[in-house]
């Protein structure tokens, strides 16, 4: 992982792979999971995910099925699993928040897991193509941003495992509910869905209040080209309040007109930025938690009961399984 301090940018390049034309992600050798340490401290306010070749020439974004950046040392808002820092698909594009107002705090030396799934539906083959993540950040020590915001994610396929699911013909929906670990406000929210999705929704299941509802944008062929983002902050309020005593639900609605079951055809996830209430500390991960262990193994593509994995030249010990029983993946105060 590299840093350009003058530009205020950090870069992650995954290992290069060949992408033959008309090849699905099931048929490709995917880039291995990269285990990295962040090279700088500060507040992240923008990111973009790109595909480039060996000469750094930008390639079509349609090659990116999805990209994930995971923080194994902090938990998710709605589940005791590793926190999803960034998730993107080919339709996501460059994302940016007002850098004077908000920023996601990161610390030099923090561990992250970077992974991607690629496919190539185009007529062209690409040699040694690689995924690049660019993070824009404000260096630590500046008087801004005004608010330290934390990323969160909630998926209809939570708690653990593959997030895509088989899509039945006709109309269908899928949902997941959970309670937040701490109170606070959601300041922005968006999402990701697959083809034939009709609506994505995030709601307070206790009161029935719909916090976010989006209809995916499509092109002339019906392909998803984007999911609207809601900025929930106003001059009169910081965002939408959520509390641990309420349950919250994410729901995705599909209408599959093909008459056939589409394997792995469905997905529905919301993600955004959350500001904990003053005095509410972000809870530590519990390395002994079974959901945490299962989720981390899945994120690292580990099967069975391996205690560690060698990836991208880094040794990654599974928390709770180190020699002597010490608990890895400790919480870093924010």
Protein backbone atom coordinates (compact mmCIF):
# COMPACT_ATOMS: atom_id res chain seq x y z
CA UNK A 1 0.00 0.00 0.00
CA UNK A 2 1.42 3.38 -1.05
CA UNK A 3 0.81 6.96 0.04
CA UNK A 4 1.22 10.29 -1.76
CA UNK A 5 1.29 12.76 1.13
CA UNK A 6 1.45 15.76 -1.19
CA UNK A 7 -1.84 14.78 -2.84
CA UNK A 8 -3.35 13.35 0.34
CA UNK A 9 -3.99 9.96 -1.27
CA UNK A 10 -3.43 6.32 -0.32
CA UNK A 11 -3.37 3.54 -2.93
CA UNK A 12 -4.07 -0.18 -2.87
CA UNK A 13 -3.32 -2.29 -5.95
CA UNK A 14 -4.48 -5.91 -5.90
CA UNK A 15 -2.46 -8.60 -7.66
CA UNK A 16 -2.81 -8.54 -11.48
CA UNK A 17 -4.87 -11.19 -13.26
CA UNK A 18 -5.73 -12.01 -16.87
CA UNK A 19 -9.34 -11.39 -17.91
CA UNK A 20 -10.35 -13.29 -21.08
CA UNK A 21 -13.31 -11.88 -23.00
CA UNK A 22 -16.80 -13.14 -22.13
CA UNK A 23 -15.72 -14.78 -18.87
CA UNK A 24 -17.84 -14.83 -15.71
CA UNK A 25 -16.45 -14.47 -12.21
CA UNK A 26 -17.10 -18.18 -11.63
CA UNK A 27 -14.61 -19.04 -14.39
CA UNK A 28 -11.83 -16.61 -13.46
CA UNK A 29 -8.93 -16.93 -11.07
CA UNK A 30 -9.65 -14.03 -8.76
CA UNK A 31 -6.94 -11.80 -7.23
CA UNK A 32 -5.94 -13.06 -3.77
CA UNK A 33 -7.06 -11.27 -0.64
CA UNK A 34 -4.48 -8.63 0.31
CA UNK A 35 -3.63 -8.09 3.98
CA UNK A 36 -2.18 -4.63 4.41
CA UNK A 37 -1.38 -1.89 6.90
CA UNK A 38 -2.59 1.65 6.34
CA UNK A 39 0.41 3.90 5.58
CA UNK A 40 -0.93 7.17 7.03
CA UNK A 41 -3.20 8.61 9.71
CA UNK A 42 -6.03 11.00 8.97
CA UNK A 43 -9.68 11.25 7.95
CA UNK A 44 -10.85 9.64 4.71
CA UNK A 45 -13.38 11.73 2.77
CA UNK A 46 -13.35 10.20 -0.74
CA UNK A 47 -12.57 7.00 -2.60
CA UNK A 48 -12.67 5.53 -6.06
CA UNK A 49 -12.13 1.99 -7.35
CA UNK A 50 -10.54 1.60 -10.78
CA UNK A 51 -9.38 -1.13 -13.14
CA UNK A 52 -5.97 -0.53 -14.73
CA UNK A 53 -3.55 -2.51 -16.88
CA UNK A 54 0.22 -2.94 -16.50
CA UNK A 55 0.80 0.55 -17.97
CA UNK A 56 -1.73 2.14 -15.56
CA UNK A 57 -4.16 2.69 -18.44
CA UNK A 58 -7.70 2.75 -17.08
CA UNK A 59 -9.92 -0.16 -18.13
CA UNK A 60 -13.74 -0.39 -18.22
CA UNK A 61 -15.32 -0.36 -14.77
CA UNK A 62 -17.75 -3.11 -15.87
CA UNK A 63 -14.91 -5.54 -15.08
CA UNK A 64 -15.45 -4.91 -11.34
CA UNK A 65 -18.17 -7.16 -9.96
CA UNK A 66 -17.43 -5.89 -6.45
CA UNK A 67 -14.62 -4.65 -4.22
CA UNK A 68 -14.42 -4.77 -0.41
CA UNK A 69 -12.14 -3.17 2.16
CA UNK A 70 -12.61 -4.74 5.59
CA UNK A 71 -11.33 -3.72 9.02
CA UNK A 72 -10.88 -6.92 11.09
CA UNK A 73 -10.11 -5.04 14.31
CA UNK A 74 -13.41 -3.16 14.65
CA UNK A 75 -16.94 -4.54 14.60
CA UNK A 76 -19.89 -3.68 12.40
CA UNK A 77 -22.67 -1.45 13.71
CA UNK A 78 -25.41 -4.10 13.50
CA UNK A 79 -23.39 -7.30 13.97
CA UNK A 80 -20.28 -8.49 15.88
CA UNK A 81 -18.39 -9.14 12.61
CA UNK A 82 -15.49 -7.30 10.96
CA UNK A 83 -16.40 -3.80 9.87
CA UNK A 84 -16.88 -3.07 6.17
CA UNK A 85 -14.97 0.13 5.49
CA UNK A 86 -15.65 0.36 1.75
CA UNK A 87 -17.78 -1.65 -0.65
CA UNK A 88 -18.10 -0.82 -4.34
CA UNK A 89 -19.39 -2.24 -7.59
CA UNK A 90 -18.82 -1.19 -11.19
CA UNK A 91 -21.68 1.30 -10.94
CA UNK A 92 -20.43 2.99 -7.75
CA UNK A 93 -18.07 5.52 -9.33
CA UNK A 94 -16.09 8.06 -7.31
CA UNK A 95 -17.56 8.77 -3.87
CA UNK A 96 -16.94 11.95 -1.88
CA UNK A 97 -18.28 13.62 1.26
CA UNK A 98 -17.74 17.25 2.38
CA UNK A 99 -14.21 17.10 3.82
CA UNK A 100 -14.72 20.05 6.14
CA UNK A 101 -17.74 18.39 7.74
CA UNK A 102 -17.09 14.64 7.79
CA UNK A 103 -14.24 12.16 7.69
CA UNK A 104 -13.68 8.52 8.55
CA UNK A 105 -10.70 8.35 10.95
CA UNK A 106 -7.89 5.91 10.11
CA UNK A 107 -4.60 5.27 11.88
CA UNK A 108 -1.24 4.39 10.39
CA UNK A 109 -0.48 0.71 10.92
CA UNK A 110 -4.12 -0.42 11.12
CA UNK A 111 -4.77 -3.73 9.36
CA UNK A 112 -7.17 -3.98 6.45
CA UNK A 113 -8.26 -6.80 4.14
CA UNK A 114 -8.76 -5.85 0.48
CA UNK A 115 -10.52 -8.19 -1.93
CA UNK A 116 -12.33 -8.08 -5.25
CA UNK A 117 -14.40 -10.24 -7.56
CA UNK A 118 -13.93 -9.61 -11.27
CA UNK A 119 -15.62 -10.73 -14.45
CA UNK A 120 -15.33 -9.72 -18.09
CA UNK A 121 -18.57 -9.50 -20.10
CA UNK A 122 -16.87 -7.44 -22.84
CA UNK A 123 -15.57 -8.48 -26.27
CA UNK A 124 -11.96 -7.64 -25.31
CA UNK A 125 -9.44 -9.62 -23.29
CA UNK A 126 -7.22 -7.85 -20.77
CA UNK A 127 -3.76 -9.00 -19.68
CA UNK A 128 -2.44 -8.34 -16.18
CA UNK A 129 -5.41 -6.20 -15.17
CA UNK A 130 -5.58 -5.09 -11.57
CA UNK A 131 -7.95 -3.37 -9.19
CA UNK A 132 -6.83 -0.08 -7.66
CA UNK A 133 -8.40 1.66 -4.67
CA UNK A 134 -7.60 5.34 -4.16
CA UNK A 135 -8.40 6.90 -0.77
CA UNK A 136 -8.37 10.69 -0.36
CA UNK A 137 -7.71 11.83 3.19
CA UNK A 138 -7.11 14.85 5.40
CA UNK A 139 -3.86 14.34 7.38
CA UNK A 140 -4.11 13.88 11.13
CA UNK A 141 -3.62 17.00 13.24
CA UNK A 142 -5.81 19.32 11.16
CA UNK A 143 -8.73 21.12 12.88
CA UNK A 144 -11.13 19.53 10.41
CA UNK A 145 -13.30 17.60 9.73
CA UNK A 146 -15.85 18.79 12.26
CA UNK A 147 -17.37 15.31 12.72
CA UNK A 148 -15.69 11.90 12.88
CA UNK A 149 -17.98 9.53 11.01
CA UNK A 150 -17.83 5.73 11.04
CA UNK A 151 -18.77 3.50 8.08
CA UNK A 152 -21.48 0.87 8.46
CA UNK A 153 -23.12 -1.75 6.30
CA UNK A 154 -26.28 -3.86 6.51
CA UNK A 155 -26.89 -6.69 4.06
CA UNK A 156 -30.02 -8.75 3.40
CA UNK A 157 -27.71 -11.80 3.41
CA UNK A 158 -26.25 -11.09 6.85
CA UNK A 159 -24.99 -12.49 9.16
CA UNK A 160 -22.16 -14.37 7.37
CA UNK A 161 -21.35 -16.08 4.07
CA UNK A 162 -21.83 -15.18 0.43
CA UNK A 163 -23.91 -12.05 -0.05
CA UNK A 164 -25.39 -13.00 -3.42
CA UNK A 165 -28.39 -15.31 -3.49
CA UNK A 166 -30.40 -17.23 -6.08
CA UNK A 167 -33.08 -15.04 -7.62
CA UNK A 168 -36.49 -16.67 -8.05
CA UNK A 169 -38.64 -15.88 -11.11
CA UNK A 170 -41.27 -13.19 -10.66
CA UNK A 171 -41.55 -10.87 -7.69
CA UNK A 172 -39.59 -11.58 -4.52
CA UNK A 173 -38.00 -9.82 -1.58
CA UNK A 174 -35.38 -10.50 1.03
CA UNK A 175 -34.68 -8.73 4.32
CA UNK A 176 -32.52 -8.69 7.44
CA UNK A 177 -33.11 -7.03 10.82
CA UNK A 178 -30.78 -5.99 13.61
CA UNK A 179 -30.12 -3.61 16.49
CA UNK A 180 -27.28 -1.06 16.42
CA UNK A 181 -24.57 -1.52 19.04
CA UNK A 182 -24.50 2.20 19.92
CA UNK A 183 -26.83 5.19 19.43
CA UNK A 184 -26.07 7.90 16.92
CA UNK A 185 -27.09 9.46 13.62
CA UNK A 186 -26.84 8.26 10.04
CA UNK A 187 -25.65 11.16 7.89
CA UNK A 188 -25.57 9.44 4.49
CA UNK A 189 -26.64 6.14 2.98
CA UNK A 190 -26.55 4.33 -0.37
CA UNK A 191 -26.56 0.76 -1.59
CA UNK A 192 -25.85 -1.96 -4.12
CA UNK A 193 -28.22 -4.31 -5.96
CA UNK A 194 -28.22 -6.58 -9.00
CA UNK A 195 -30.18 -6.57 -12.25
CA UNK A 196 -33.99 -6.76 -11.90
CA UNK A 197 -33.94 -5.06 -8.48
CA UNK A 198 -36.90 -2.71 -8.17
CA UNK A 199 -36.36 -1.10 -4.77
CA UNK A 200 -33.91 -0.99 -1.87
CA UNK A 201 -35.13 0.11 1.55
CA UNK A 202 -33.77 0.76 5.04
CA UNK A 203 -36.34 1.29 7.79
CA UNK A 204 -36.91 1.47 11.52
CA UNK A 205 -38.78 -1.80 11.98
CA UNK A 206 -39.91 -0.75 15.46
CA UNK A 207 -41.72 2.42 14.37
CA UNK A 208 -42.23 1.72 10.66
CA UNK A 209 -40.31 4.86 9.64
CA UNK A 210 -38.66 4.50 6.23
CA UNK A 211 -35.22 6.08 6.53
CA UNK A 212 -33.99 5.37 2.99
CA UNK A 213 -35.73 4.16 -0.15
CA UNK A 214 -34.15 4.00 -3.59
CA UNK A 215 -35.10 2.86 -7.08
CA UNK A 216 -31.99 1.71 -9.00
CA UNK A 217 -31.02 3.62 -12.13
CA UNK A 218 -30.80 1.48 -15.27
CA UNK A 219 -29.59 1.93 -18.83
CA UNK A 220 -31.51 1.13 -22.02
CA UNK A 221 -30.69 -2.59 -21.67
CA UNK A 222 -31.90 -2.81 -18.08
CA UNK A 223 -28.44 -3.02 -16.52
CA UNK A 224 -28.00 -1.29 -13.17
CA UNK A 225 -25.91 1.86 -13.57
CA UNK A 226 -26.35 3.32 -10.10
CA UNK A 227 -28.23 3.40 -6.82
CA UNK A 228 -29.18 6.86 -5.48
CA UNK A 229 -27.40 8.17 -2.39
CA UNK A 230 -29.32 9.99 0.33
CA UNK A 231 -27.61 12.77 2.28
CA UNK A 232 -29.59 12.87 5.50
CA UNK A 233 -27.91 15.89 7.10
CA UNK A 234 -29.56 19.32 6.93
CA UNK A 235 -28.89 22.77 8.33
CA UNK A 236 -31.42 21.95 11.03
CA UNK A 237 -30.19 18.42 11.87
CA UNK A 238 -27.07 16.30 11.65
CA UNK A 239 -28.81 13.15 10.41
CA UNK A 240 -31.39 10.49 11.28
CA UNK A 241 -31.18 9.19 14.84
CA UNK A 242 -30.98 5.43 15.47
CA UNK A 243 -30.98 3.74 18.88
CA UNK A 244 -30.11 0.26 20.21
CA UNK A 245 -33.63 -0.25 21.60
CA UNK A 246 -35.08 -0.25 18.07
CA UNK A 247 -34.70 -2.87 15.36
CA UNK A 248 -33.79 -1.79 11.84
CA UNK A 249 -34.49 -3.62 8.59
CA UNK A 250 -32.90 -3.64 5.15
CA UNK A 251 -35.11 -5.00 2.34
CA UNK A 252 -34.52 -5.50 -1.36
CA UNK A 253 -37.35 -6.11 -3.85
CA UNK A 254 -36.88 -7.89 -7.18
CA UNK A 255 -38.98 -8.66 -10.24
CA UNK A 256 -37.28 -11.33 -12.37
CA UNK A 257 -39.08 -11.48 -15.75
CA UNK A 258 -37.04 -14.36 -17.23
CA UNK A 259 -39.22 -17.15 -15.86
CA UNK A 260 -36.04 -18.88 -14.68
CA UNK A 261 -34.12 -19.10 -11.42
CA UNK A 262 -30.96 -16.96 -11.72
CA UNK A 263 -28.10 -18.46 -9.65
CA UNK A 264 -26.43 -15.77 -7.51
CA UNK A 265 -28.69 -13.25 -9.25
CA UNK A 266 -29.76 -11.29 -6.19
CA UNK A 267 -27.99 -8.94 -3.80
CA UNK A 268 -29.12 -6.13 -1.54
CA UNK A 269 -26.98 -4.06 0.80
CA UNK A 270 -27.03 -0.57 2.26
CA UNK A 271 -24.00 1.26 3.57
CA UNK A 272 -23.24 4.71 4.81
CA UNK A 273 -21.73 6.94 7.46
CA UNK A 274 -22.74 6.98 11.10
CA UNK A 275 -21.79 9.39 13.90
CA UNK A 276 -22.04 7.87 17.40
CA UNK A 277 -23.67 9.98 20.09
CA UNK A 278 -21.26 11.92 22.25
CA UNK A 279 -19.86 9.65 24.96
CA UNK A 280 -20.73 6.44 23.05
CA UNK A 281 -17.57 4.43 22.42
CA UNK A 282 -17.45 2.15 19.41
CA UNK A 283 -17.51 -1.42 20.83
CA UNK A 284 -14.49 -3.68 20.52
CA UNK A 285 -14.51 -6.85 18.49
CA UNK A 286 -14.83 -10.14 20.34
CA UNK A 287 -12.31 -12.52 18.72
CA UNK A 288 -13.98 -15.49 20.43
CA UNK A 289 -17.40 -14.74 18.92
CA UNK A 290 -18.45 -17.50 16.50
CA UNK A 291 -19.99 -15.07 14.00
CA UNK A 292 -16.81 -12.99 13.99
CA UNK A 293 -14.67 -16.08 13.35
CA UNK A 294 -16.91 -17.41 10.57
CA UNK A 295 -17.13 -14.03 8.88
CA UNK A 296 -13.37 -13.44 9.00
CA UNK A 297 -12.66 -16.88 7.54
CA UNK A 298 -15.12 -16.17 4.75
CA UNK A 299 -13.59 -12.75 4.05
CA UNK A 300 -10.13 -14.34 3.85
CA UNK A 301 -11.45 -17.25 1.73
CA UNK A 302 -10.31 -19.78 4.30
CA UNK A 303 -12.04 -23.15 4.47
CA UNK A 304 -11.97 -25.60 7.35
CA UNK A 305 -10.20 -24.85 10.64
CA UNK A 306 -6.98 -23.19 9.47
CA UNK A 307 -5.32 -21.12 12.17
CA UNK A 308 -3.57 -18.74 9.83
CA UNK A 309 -3.22 -17.89 6.19
CA UNK A 310 -0.36 -16.59 4.11
CA UNK A 311 -1.62 -14.03 1.61
CA UNK A 312 0.17 -11.34 -0.35
CA UNK A 313 3.36 -11.91 1.62
CA UNK A 314 1.74 -11.19 5.02
CA UNK A 315 1.10 -13.62 7.84
CA UNK A 316 -2.45 -13.23 9.15
CA UNK A 317 -3.22 -14.97 12.44
CA UNK A 318 -6.85 -15.75 13.11
CA UNK A 319 -7.81 -13.81 16.24
CA UNK A 320 -8.29 -16.08 19.22
CA UNK A 321 -6.09 -18.81 17.68
CA UNK A 322 -2.60 -17.40 18.22
CA UNK A 323 0.01 -19.40 20.06
CA UNK A 324 -0.62 -19.06 23.76
CA UNK A 325 -4.27 -18.16 23.20
CA UNK A 326 -3.69 -14.39 23.01
CA UNK A 327 -6.50 -12.44 21.44
CA UNK A 328 -5.52 -10.76 18.19
CA UNK A 329 -7.69 -8.17 16.52
CA UNK A 330 -7.80 -5.86 19.51
CA UNK A 331 -9.84 -2.67 19.44
CA UNK A 332 -8.10 0.58 18.57
CA UNK A 333 -9.82 3.51 20.27
CA UNK A 334 -11.25 6.01 17.82
